[in-house]
PDB file of N, CA and C in Angstrom:
ATOM      1  N   MET A   1     -13.225 -10.693  -3.931  1.00  0.00           N
ATOM      2  CA  MET A   1     -12.012 -11.422  -3.546  1.00  0.00           C
ATOM      3  C   MET A   1     -12.240 -11.570  -2.112  1.00  0.00           C
ATOM      4  N   PRO A   2     -11.916 -12.840  -1.650  1.00  0.00           N
ATOM      5  CA  PRO A   2     -11.878 -13.118  -0.262  1.00  0.00           C
ATOM      6  C   PRO A   2     -10.920 -12.473   0.560  1.00  0.00           C
ATOM      7  N   SER A   3     -11.193 -12.127   1.915  1.00  0.00           N
ATOM      8  CA  SER A   3     -10.205 -11.521   2.680  1.00  0.00           C
ATOM      9  C   SER A   3      -9.322 -12.496   3.386  1.00  0.00           C
ATOM     10  N   HIS A   4      -8.256 -12.210   3.897  1.00  0.00           N
ATOM     11  CA  HIS A   4      -7.442 -13.141   4.590  1.00  0.00           C
ATOM     12  C   HIS A   4      -6.817 -12.410   5.819  1.00  0.00           C
ATOM     13  N   GLU A   5      -6.634 -13.003   6.773  1.00  0.00           N
ATOM     14  CA  GLU A   5      -5.971 -12.454   7.927  1.00  0.00           C
ATOM     15  C   GLU A   5      -4.377 -12.533   7.804  1.00  0.00           C
ATOM     16  N   VAL A   6      -3.798 -11.453   8.106  1.00  0.00           N
ATOM     17  CA  VAL A   6      -2.342 -11.461   7.963  1.00  0.00           C
ATOM     18  C   VAL A   6      -1.712 -11.475   9.498  1.00  0.00           C
ATOM     19  N   PRO A   7      -0.940 -12.487   9.614  1.00  0.00           N
ATOM     20  CA  PRO A   7      -0.293 -12.704  10.990  1.00  0.00           C
ATOM     21  C   PRO A   7       0.458 -11.499  11.467  1.00  0.00           C
ATOM     22  N   PRO A   8       0.538 -11.244  12.581  1.00  0.00           N
ATOM     23  CA  PRO A   8       1.210  -9.990  13.111  1.00  0.00           C
ATOM     24  C   PRO A   8       2.663  -9.921  12.742  1.00  0.00           C
ATOM     25  N   ASP A   9       3.306 -11.155  12.771  1.00  0.00           N
ATOM     26  CA  ASP A   9       4.811 -11.206  12.433  1.00  0.00           C
ATOM     27  C   ASP A   9       5.055 -11.029  10.799  1.00  0.00           C
ATOM     28  N   GLN A  10       4.017 -10.985  10.188  1.00  0.00           N
ATOM     29  CA  GLN A  10       4.213 -10.724   8.727  1.00  0.00           C
ATOM     30  C   GLN A  10       3.619  -9.483   8.335  1.00  0.00           C
ATOM     31  N   ARG A  11       3.003  -8.577   9.248  1.00  0.00           N
ATOM     32  CA  ARG A  11       2.304  -7.399   8.912  1.00  0.00           C
ATOM     33  C   ARG A  11       3.207  -6.369   8.281  1.00  0.00           C
ATOM     34  N   VAL A  12       4.447  -6.020   8.781  1.00  0.00           N
ATOM     35  CA  VAL A  12       5.336  -5.109   8.165  1.00  0.00           C
ATOM     36  C   VAL A  12       5.703  -5.428   6.690  1.00  0.00           C
ATOM     37  N   ALA A  13       5.956  -6.657   6.435  1.00  0.00           N
ATOM     38  CA  ALA A  13       6.263  -7.099   5.072  1.00  0.00           C
ATOM     39  C   ALA A  13       5.078  -6.938   4.147  1.00  0.00           C
ATOM     40  N   TYR A  14       3.899  -7.199   4.756  1.00  0.00           N
ATOM     41  CA  TYR A  14       2.602  -7.106   4.019  1.00  0.00           C
ATOM     42  C   TYR A  14       2.303  -5.700   3.814  1.00  0.00           C
ATOM     43  N   ASP A  15       2.527  -4.804   4.576  1.00  0.00           N
ATOM     44  CA  ASP A  15       2.258  -3.336   4.438  1.00  0.00           C
ATOM     45  C   ASP A  15       3.230  -2.747   3.467  1.00  0.00           C
ATOM     46  N   SER A  16       4.335  -3.225   3.639  1.00  0.00           N
ATOM     47  CA  SER A  16       5.462  -2.673   2.603  1.00  0.00           C
ATOM     48  C   SER A  16       5.117  -3.169   1.151  1.00  0.00           C
ATOM     49  N   THR A  17       4.634  -4.367   1.068  1.00  0.00           N
ATOM     50  CA  THR A  17       4.281  -4.859  -0.277  1.00  0.00           C
ATOM     51  C   THR A  17       3.025  -4.063  -0.740  1.00  0.00           C
ATOM     52  N   LEU A  18       2.126  -3.826   0.021  1.00  0.00           N
ATOM     53  CA  LEU A  18       0.864  -3.001  -0.412  1.00  0.00           C
ATOM     54  C   LEU A  18       1.297  -1.573  -0.858  1.00  0.00           C
ATOM     55  N   LYS A  19       2.219  -1.037  -0.038  1.00  0.00           N
ATOM     56  CA  LYS A  19       2.644   0.348  -0.423  1.00  0.00           C
ATOM     57  C   LYS A  19       3.453   0.327  -1.779  1.00  0.00           C
ATOM     58  N   GLN A  20       4.134  -0.680  -2.121  1.00  0.00           N
ATOM     59  CA  GLN A  20       4.762  -0.768  -3.476  1.00  0.00           C
ATOM     60  C   GLN A  20       3.769  -1.053  -4.466  1.00  0.00           C
ATOM     61  N   LEU A  21       2.587  -1.868  -4.219  1.00  0.00           N
ATOM     62  CA  LEU A  21       1.726  -2.266  -5.103  1.00  0.00           C
ATOM     63  C   LEU A  21       0.820  -1.071  -5.566  1.00  0.00           C
ATOM     64  N   PHE A  22       0.450  -0.147  -4.627  1.00  0.00           N
ATOM     65  CA  PHE A  22      -0.537   0.903  -4.814  1.00  0.00           C
ATOM     66  C   PHE A  22      -0.058   1.757  -6.141  1.00  0.00           C
ATOM     67  N   PRO A  23       1.098   2.256  -6.313  1.00  0.00           N
ATOM     68  CA  PRO A  23       1.372   3.028  -7.557  1.00  0.00           C
ATOM     69  C   PRO A  23       1.189   2.043  -8.846  1.00  0.00           C
ATOM     70  N   LEU A  24       1.572   0.818  -8.712  1.00  0.00           N
ATOM     71  CA  LEU A  24       1.481  -0.156  -9.849  1.00  0.00           C
ATOM     72  C   LEU A  24       0.057  -0.433 -10.340  1.00  0.00           C
ATOM     73  N   VAL A  25      -0.766  -0.652  -9.219  1.00  0.00           N
ATOM     74  CA  VAL A  25      -2.232  -0.775  -9.502  1.00  0.00           C
ATOM     75  C   VAL A  25      -2.962   0.412 -10.149  1.00  0.00           C
ATOM     76  N   SER A  26      -2.560   1.553  -9.570  1.00  0.00           N
ATOM     77  CA  SER A  26      -3.145   2.814 -10.060  1.00  0.00           C
ATOM     78  C   SER A  26      -2.664   3.108 -11.609  1.00  0.00           C
ATOM     79  N   ASP A  27      -1.437   2.763 -11.928  1.00  0.00           N
ATOM     80  CA  ASP A  27      -0.816   2.918 -13.227  1.00  0.00           C
ATOM     81  C   ASP A  27      -1.480   1.925 -14.117  1.00  0.00           C
ATOM     82  N   MET A  28      -1.696   0.634 -13.667  1.00  0.00           N
ATOM     83  CA  MET A  28      -2.320  -0.350 -14.472  1.00  0.00           C
ATOM     84  C   MET A  28      -3.716  -0.039 -14.928  1.00  0.00           C
ATOM     85  N   GLU A  29      -4.496   0.700 -14.079  1.00  0.00           N
ATOM     86  CA  GLU A  29      -5.920   0.870 -14.471  1.00  0.00           C
ATOM     87  C   GLU A  29      -6.110   1.798 -15.729  1.00  0.00           C
ATOM     88  N   VAL A  30      -5.266   2.682 -15.897  1.00  0.00           N
ATOM     89  CA  VAL A  30      -5.312   3.400 -17.118  1.00  0.00           C
ATOM     90  C   VAL A  30      -4.824   2.651 -18.375  1.00  0.00           C
ATOM     91  N   LYS A  31      -3.951   1.625 -18.107  1.00  0.00           N
ATOM     92  CA  LYS A  31      -3.346   0.978 -19.253  1.00  0.00           C
ATOM     93  C   LYS A  31      -4.104  -0.308 -19.630  1.00  0.00           C
ATOM     94  N   LEU A  32      -5.242  -0.581 -19.024  1.00  0.00           N
ATOM     95  CA  LEU A  32      -5.906  -1.842 -19.199  1.00  0.00           C
ATOM     96  C   LEU A  32      -6.354  -1.864 -20.752  1.00  0.00           C
ATOM     97  N   PRO A  33      -6.788  -0.978 -21.386  1.00  0.00           N
ATOM     98  CA  PRO A  33      -7.186  -1.115 -22.810  1.00  0.00           C
ATOM     99  C   PRO A  33      -5.889  -1.549 -23.677  1.00  0.00           C
ATOM    100  N   LEU A  34      -4.735  -1.033 -23.214  1.00  0.00           N
ATOM    101  CA  LEU A  34      -3.486  -1.227 -23.988  1.00  0.00           C
ATOM    102  C   LEU A  34      -3.158  -2.798 -23.742  1.00  0.00           C
ATOM    103  N   PHE A  35      -3.322  -3.232 -22.432  1.00  0.00           N
ATOM    104  CA  PHE A  35      -3.025  -4.584 -22.150  1.00  0.00           C
ATOM    105  C   PHE A  35      -4.008  -5.584 -22.896  1.00  0.00           C
ATOM    106  N   TYR A  36      -5.221  -5.227 -22.932  1.00  0.00           N
ATOM    107  CA  TYR A  36      -6.239  -5.887 -23.825  1.00  0.00           C
ATOM    108  C   TYR A  36      -5.803  -6.082 -25.158  1.00  0.00           C
ATOM    109  N   ALA A  37      -5.354  -5.112 -25.805  1.00  0.00           N
ATOM    110  CA  ALA A  37      -4.890  -5.003 -27.219  1.00  0.00           C
ATOM    111  C   ALA A  37      -3.823  -5.885 -27.349  1.00  0.00           C
ATOM    112  N   LEU A  38      -2.817  -5.921 -26.441  1.00  0.00           N
ATOM    113  CA  LEU A  38      -1.503  -6.722 -26.593  1.00  0.00           C
ATOM    114  C   LEU A  38      -1.794  -8.131 -26.289  1.00  0.00           C
ATOM    115  N   VAL A  39      -2.486  -8.506 -25.130  1.00  0.00           N
ATOM    116  CA  VAL A  39      -2.438  -9.727 -24.529  1.00  0.00           C
ATOM    117  C   VAL A  39      -3.603 -10.574 -25.237  1.00  0.00           C
ATOM    118  N   LYS A  40      -4.724 -10.025 -25.520  1.00  0.00           N
ATOM    119  CA  LYS A  40      -5.836 -10.510 -26.261  1.00  0.00           C
ATOM    120  C   LYS A  40      -6.304 -11.908 -25.405  1.00  0.00           C
ATOM    121  N   GLN A  41      -6.108 -11.901 -24.168  1.00  0.00           N
ATOM    122  CA  GLN A  41      -6.710 -13.073 -23.309  1.00  0.00           C
ATOM    123  C   GLN A  41      -7.628 -12.480 -22.379  1.00  0.00           C
ATOM    124  N   GLU A  42      -8.977 -12.737 -22.574  1.00  0.00           N
ATOM    125  CA  GLU A  42      -9.872 -12.050 -21.806  1.00  0.00           C
ATOM    126  C   GLU A  42      -9.789 -12.421 -20.339  1.00  0.00           C
ATOM    127  N   GLU A  43      -9.558 -13.696 -20.046  1.00  0.00           N
ATOM    128  CA  GLU A  43      -9.535 -14.100 -18.620  1.00  0.00           C
ATOM    129  C   GLU A  43      -8.416 -13.342 -17.940  1.00  0.00           C
ATOM    130  N   VAL A  44      -7.233 -13.134 -18.500  1.00  0.00           N
ATOM    131  CA  VAL A  44      -6.155 -12.283 -17.918  1.00  0.00           C
ATOM    132  C   VAL A  44      -6.650 -10.912 -17.570  1.00  0.00           C
ATOM    133  N   ILE A  45      -7.411 -10.369 -18.528  1.00  0.00           N
ATOM    134  CA  ILE A  45      -7.817  -8.977 -18.352  1.00  0.00           C
ATOM    135  C   ILE A  45      -8.872  -8.849 -17.264  1.00  0.00           C
ATOM    136  N   ARG A  46      -9.789  -9.853 -17.292  1.00  0.00           N
ATOM    137  CA  ARG A  46     -10.676  -9.881 -16.206  1.00  0.00           C
ATOM    138  C   ARG A  46     -10.165 -10.042 -14.840  1.00  0.00           C
ATOM    139  N   LYS A  47      -9.130 -10.725 -14.751  1.00  0.00           N
ATOM    140  CA  LYS A  47      -8.504 -10.756 -13.321  1.00  0.00           C
ATOM    141  C   LYS A  47      -7.768  -9.454 -12.967  1.00  0.00           C
ATOM    142  N   LEU A  48      -7.109  -8.786 -14.081  1.00  0.00           N
ATOM    143  CA  LEU A  48      -6.458  -7.518 -13.801  1.00  0.00           C
ATOM    144  C   LEU A  48      -7.621  -6.558 -13.399  1.00  0.00           C
ATOM    145  N   VAL A  49      -8.749  -6.462 -14.016  1.00  0.00           N
ATOM    146  CA  VAL A  49      -9.937  -5.667 -13.847  1.00  0.00           C
ATOM    147  C   VAL A  49     -10.346  -5.895 -12.405  1.00  0.00           C
ATOM    148  N   ALA A  50     -10.428  -7.072 -11.913  1.00  0.00           N
ATOM    149  CA  ALA A  50     -11.073  -7.436 -10.609  1.00  0.00           C
ATOM    150  C   ALA A  50      -9.958  -6.863  -9.519  1.00  0.00           C
ATOM    151  N   MET A  51      -8.613  -7.055  -9.882  1.00  0.00           N
ATOM    152  CA  MET A  51      -7.660  -6.607  -8.957  1.00  0.00           C
ATOM    153  C   MET A  51      -7.612  -5.011  -8.845  1.00  0.00           C
ATOM    154  N   VAL A  52      -7.621  -4.382 -10.016  1.00  0.00           N
ATOM    155  CA  VAL A  52      -7.617  -2.915 -10.106  1.00  0.00           C
ATOM    156  C   VAL A  52      -8.810  -2.365  -9.323  1.00  0.00           C
ATOM    157  N   SER A  53      -9.922  -2.829  -9.692  1.00  0.00           N
ATOM    158  CA  SER A  53     -11.150  -2.142  -9.265  1.00  0.00           C
ATOM    159  C   SER A  53     -11.673  -2.624  -7.944  1.00  0.00           C
ATOM    160  N   SER A  54     -11.002  -3.573  -7.250  1.00  0.00           N
ATOM    161  CA  SER A  54     -11.434  -4.213  -5.966  1.00  0.00           C
ATOM    162  C   SER A  54     -11.490  -2.991  -4.962  1.00  0.00           C
ATOM    163  N   PRO A  55     -12.664  -2.722  -4.425  1.00  0.00           N
ATOM    164  CA  PRO A  55     -12.754  -1.672  -3.400  1.00  0.00           C
ATOM    165  C   PRO A  55     -12.076  -2.063  -2.096  1.00  0.00           C
ATOM    166  N   GLU A  56     -11.918  -3.495  -1.911  1.00  0.00           N
ATOM    167  CA  GLU A  56     -11.194  -3.835  -0.662  1.00  0.00           C
ATOM    168  C   GLU A  56      -9.795  -3.615  -0.739  1.00  0.00           C
ATOM    169  N   LEU A  57      -9.209  -3.816  -1.924  1.00  0.00           N
ATOM    170  CA  LEU A  57      -7.814  -3.495  -2.223  1.00  0.00           C
ATOM    171  C   LEU A  57      -7.556  -1.988  -2.128  1.00  0.00           C
ATOM    172  N   ARG A  58      -8.384  -1.226  -2.714  1.00  0.00           N
ATOM    173  CA  ARG A  58      -8.222   0.182  -2.546  1.00  0.00           C
ATOM    174  C   ARG A  58      -8.290   0.680  -1.222  1.00  0.00           C
ATOM    175  N   GLN A  59      -9.204   0.187  -0.475  1.00  0.00           N
ATOM    176  CA  GLN A  59      -9.341   0.648   1.000  1.00  0.00           C
ATOM    177  C   GLN A  59      -8.163   0.222   1.778  1.00  0.00           C
ATOM    178  N   MET A  60      -7.669  -1.058   1.355  1.00  0.00           N
ATOM    179  CA  MET A  60      -6.436  -1.518   2.270  1.00  0.00           C
ATOM    180  C   MET A  60      -5.270  -0.671   1.994  1.00  0.00           C
ATOM    181  N   LEU A  61      -5.140  -0.380   0.639  1.00  0.00           N
ATOM    182  CA  LEU A  61      -3.992   0.504   0.269  1.00  0.00           C
ATOM    183  C   LEU A  61      -4.014   1.820   0.908  1.00  0.00           C
ATOM    184  N   ALA A  62      -5.313   2.439   0.887  1.00  0.00           N
ATOM    185  CA  ALA A  62      -5.444   3.745   1.406  1.00  0.00           C
ATOM    186  C   ALA A  62      -5.135   3.654   2.955  1.00  0.00           C
ATOM    187  N   GLU A  63      -5.769   2.697   3.621  1.00  0.00           N
ATOM    188  CA  GLU A  63      -5.499   2.642   5.172  1.00  0.00           C
ATOM    189  C   GLU A  63      -4.036   2.357   5.577  1.00  0.00           C
ATOM    190  N   THR A  64      -3.461   1.482   4.747  1.00  0.00           N
ATOM    191  CA  THR A  64      -2.058   1.121   4.970  1.00  0.00           C
ATOM    192  C   THR A  64      -1.166   2.379   4.735  1.00  0.00           C
ATOM    193  N   THR A  65      -1.396   3.103   3.690  1.00  0.00           N
ATOM    194  CA  THR A  65      -0.588   4.382   3.463  1.00  0.00           C
ATOM    195  C   THR A  65      -0.744   5.399   4.570  1.00  0.00           C
ATOM    196  N   ARG A  66      -2.168   5.548   5.131  1.00  0.00           N
ATOM    197  CA  ARG A  66      -2.341   6.405   6.194  1.00  0.00           C
ATOM    198  C   ARG A  66      -1.725   5.924   7.364  1.00  0.00           C
ATOM    199  N   LEU A  67      -1.661   4.689   7.723  1.00  0.00           N
ATOM    200  CA  LEU A  67      -1.027   4.161   8.950  1.00  0.00           C
ATOM    201  C   LEU A  67       0.377   4.317   8.851  1.00  0.00           C
ATOM    202  N   ASN A  68       1.067   4.008   7.724  1.00  0.00           N
ATOM    203  CA  ASN A  68       2.448   4.308   7.567  1.00  0.00           C
ATOM    204  C   ASN A  68       2.832   5.716   7.827  1.00  0.00           C
ATOM    205  N   ASP A  69       2.122   6.500   7.204  1.00  0.00           N
ATOM    206  CA  ASP A  69       2.381   8.034   7.492  1.00  0.00           C
ATOM    207  C   ASP A  69       2.314   8.399   8.925  1.00  0.00           C
ATOM    208  N   MET A  70       1.200   7.778   9.566  1.00  0.00           N
ATOM    209  CA  MET A  70       1.182   8.237  11.050  1.00  0.00           C
ATOM    210  C   MET A  70       2.198   7.596  11.822  1.00  0.00           C
ATOM    211  N   PHE A  71       2.822   6.488  11.363  1.00  0.00           N
ATOM    212  CA  PHE A  71       3.919   5.713  12.115  1.00  0.00           C
ATOM    213  C   PHE A  71       5.082   6.655  11.937  1.00  0.00           C
ATOM    214  N   VAL A  72       5.411   7.038  10.557  1.00  0.00           N
ATOM    215  CA  VAL A  72       6.565   7.916  10.335  1.00  0.00           C
ATOM    216  C   VAL A  72       6.474   9.207  11.157  1.00  0.00           C
ATOM    217  N   ASN A  73       5.363   9.907  11.331  1.00  0.00           N
ATOM    218  CA  ASN A  73       5.228  11.021  11.924  1.00  0.00           C
ATOM    219  C   ASN A  73       5.403  10.855  13.435  1.00  0.00           C
ATOM    220  N   ALA A  74       4.920   9.668  13.861  1.00  0.00           N
ATOM    221  CA  ALA A  74       5.170   9.431  15.399  1.00  0.00           C
ATOM    222  C   ALA A  74       6.662   9.133  15.712  1.00  0.00           C
ATOM    223  N   VAL A  75       7.303   8.535  14.745  1.00  0.00           N
ATOM    224  CA  VAL A  75       8.741   8.253  15.060  1.00  0.00           C
ATOM    225  C   VAL A  75       9.597   9.596  14.889  1.00  0.00           C
ATOM    226  N   ARG A  76       9.167  10.386  13.962  1.00  0.00           N
ATOM    227  CA  ARG A  76       9.804  11.852  13.971  1.00  0.00           C
ATOM    228  C   ARG A  76       9.559  12.558  15.269  1.00  0.00           C
ATOM    229  N   MET A  77       8.394  12.537  15.885  1.00  0.00           N
ATOM    230  CA  MET A  77       8.146  13.191  17.126  1.00  0.00           C
ATOM    231  C   MET A  77       9.026  12.637  18.178  1.00  0.00           C
ATOM    232  N   VAL A  78       9.145  11.310  18.158  1.00  0.00           N
ATOM    233  CA  VAL A  78       9.892  10.783  19.384  1.00  0.00           C
ATOM    234  C   VAL A  78      11.449  11.175  19.076  1.00  0.00           C
ATOM    235  N   GLN A  79      11.864  11.271  17.872  1.00  0.00           N
ATOM    236  CA  GLN A  79      13.272  11.576  17.538  1.00  0.00           C
ATOM    237  C   GLN A  79      13.395  13.163  18.123  1.00  0.00           C
ATOM    238  N   LEU A  80      12.398  14.031  17.747  1.00  0.00           N
ATOM    239  CA  LEU A  80      12.521  15.491  18.106  1.00  0.00           C
ATOM    240  C   LEU A  80      12.580  15.571  19.563  1.00  0.00           C
ATOM    241  N   ALA A  81      11.701  14.701  20.247  1.00  0.00           N
ATOM    242  CA  ALA A  81      11.631  14.748  21.739  1.00  0.00           C
ATOM    243  C   ALA A  81      12.948  14.427  22.243  1.00  0.00           C
ATOM    244  N   GLN A  82      13.623  13.321  21.749  1.00  0.00           N
ATOM    245  CA  GLN A  82      14.913  12.842  22.195  1.00  0.00           C
ATOM    246  C   GLN A  82      16.000  14.042  22.095  1.00  0.00           C
ATOM    247  N   VAL A  83      15.908  14.690  20.929  1.00  0.00           N
ATOM    248  CA  VAL A  83      16.994  15.779  20.697  1.00  0.00           C
ATOM    249  C   VAL A  83      16.607  17.010  21.623  1.00  0.00           C
ATOM    250  N   HIS A  84      15.364  17.209  21.853  1.00  0.00           N
ATOM    251  CA  HIS A  84      14.991  18.394  22.732  1.00  0.00           C
ATOM    252  C   HIS A  84      15.362  17.972  24.248  1.00  0.00           C
ATOM    253  N   ALA A  85      15.114  16.722  24.647  1.00  0.00           N
ATOM    254  CA  ALA A  85      15.592  16.333  26.003  1.00  0.00           C
ATOM    255  C   ALA A  85      17.096  16.378  26.059  1.00  0.00           C
ATOM    256  N   GLN A  86      17.804  15.954  25.148  1.00  0.00           N
ATOM    257  CA  GLN A  86      19.281  16.031  25.256  1.00  0.00           C
ATOM    258  C   GLN A  86      19.784  17.388  25.203  1.00  0.00           C
ATOM    259  N   GLN A  87      19.241  18.373  24.455  1.00  0.00           N
ATOM    260  CA  GLN A  87      19.620  19.707  24.532  1.00  0.00           C
ATOM    261  C   GLN A  87      19.247  20.290  25.926  1.00  0.00           C
ATOM    262  N   GLN A  88      18.295  19.968  26.596  1.00  0.00           N
ATOM    263  CA  GLN A  88      17.877  20.390  27.902  1.00  0.00           C
ATOM    264  C   GLN A  88      18.913  19.946  28.978  1.00  0.00           C
ATOM    265  N   ARG A  89      19.508  18.697  28.778  1.00  0.00           N
ATOM    266  CA  ARG A  89      20.520  18.215  29.709  1.00  0.00           C
ATOM    267  C   ARG A  89      21.903  18.915  29.615  1.00  0.00           C
ATOM    268  N   ASN A  90      22.129  19.460  28.340  1.00  0.00           N
ATOM    269  CA  ASN A  90      23.312  20.103  28.160  1.00  0.00           C
ATOM    270  C   ASN A  90      23.311  21.625  28.530  1.00  0.00           C
TER     271      ASN A  90
END
């Protein structure tokens, strides 16, 4: 699959979409034989296999999840620092 540059103004929406996509792709992988039995369209199944097994997609999903977790932790630390600073003033 070719890579594409995501504009900075669309990055948050893109990351959010990837985060939603990750469990679906993981779930899809184990269900591919069932999809093949039901759909019986080889081209559709080939596209699904390419999407599910794409190392680039897996790497992007893992990296996005890691970065999102780091961001959430950073926000929590800032919130705790604000609470602590406010308590020190009182």
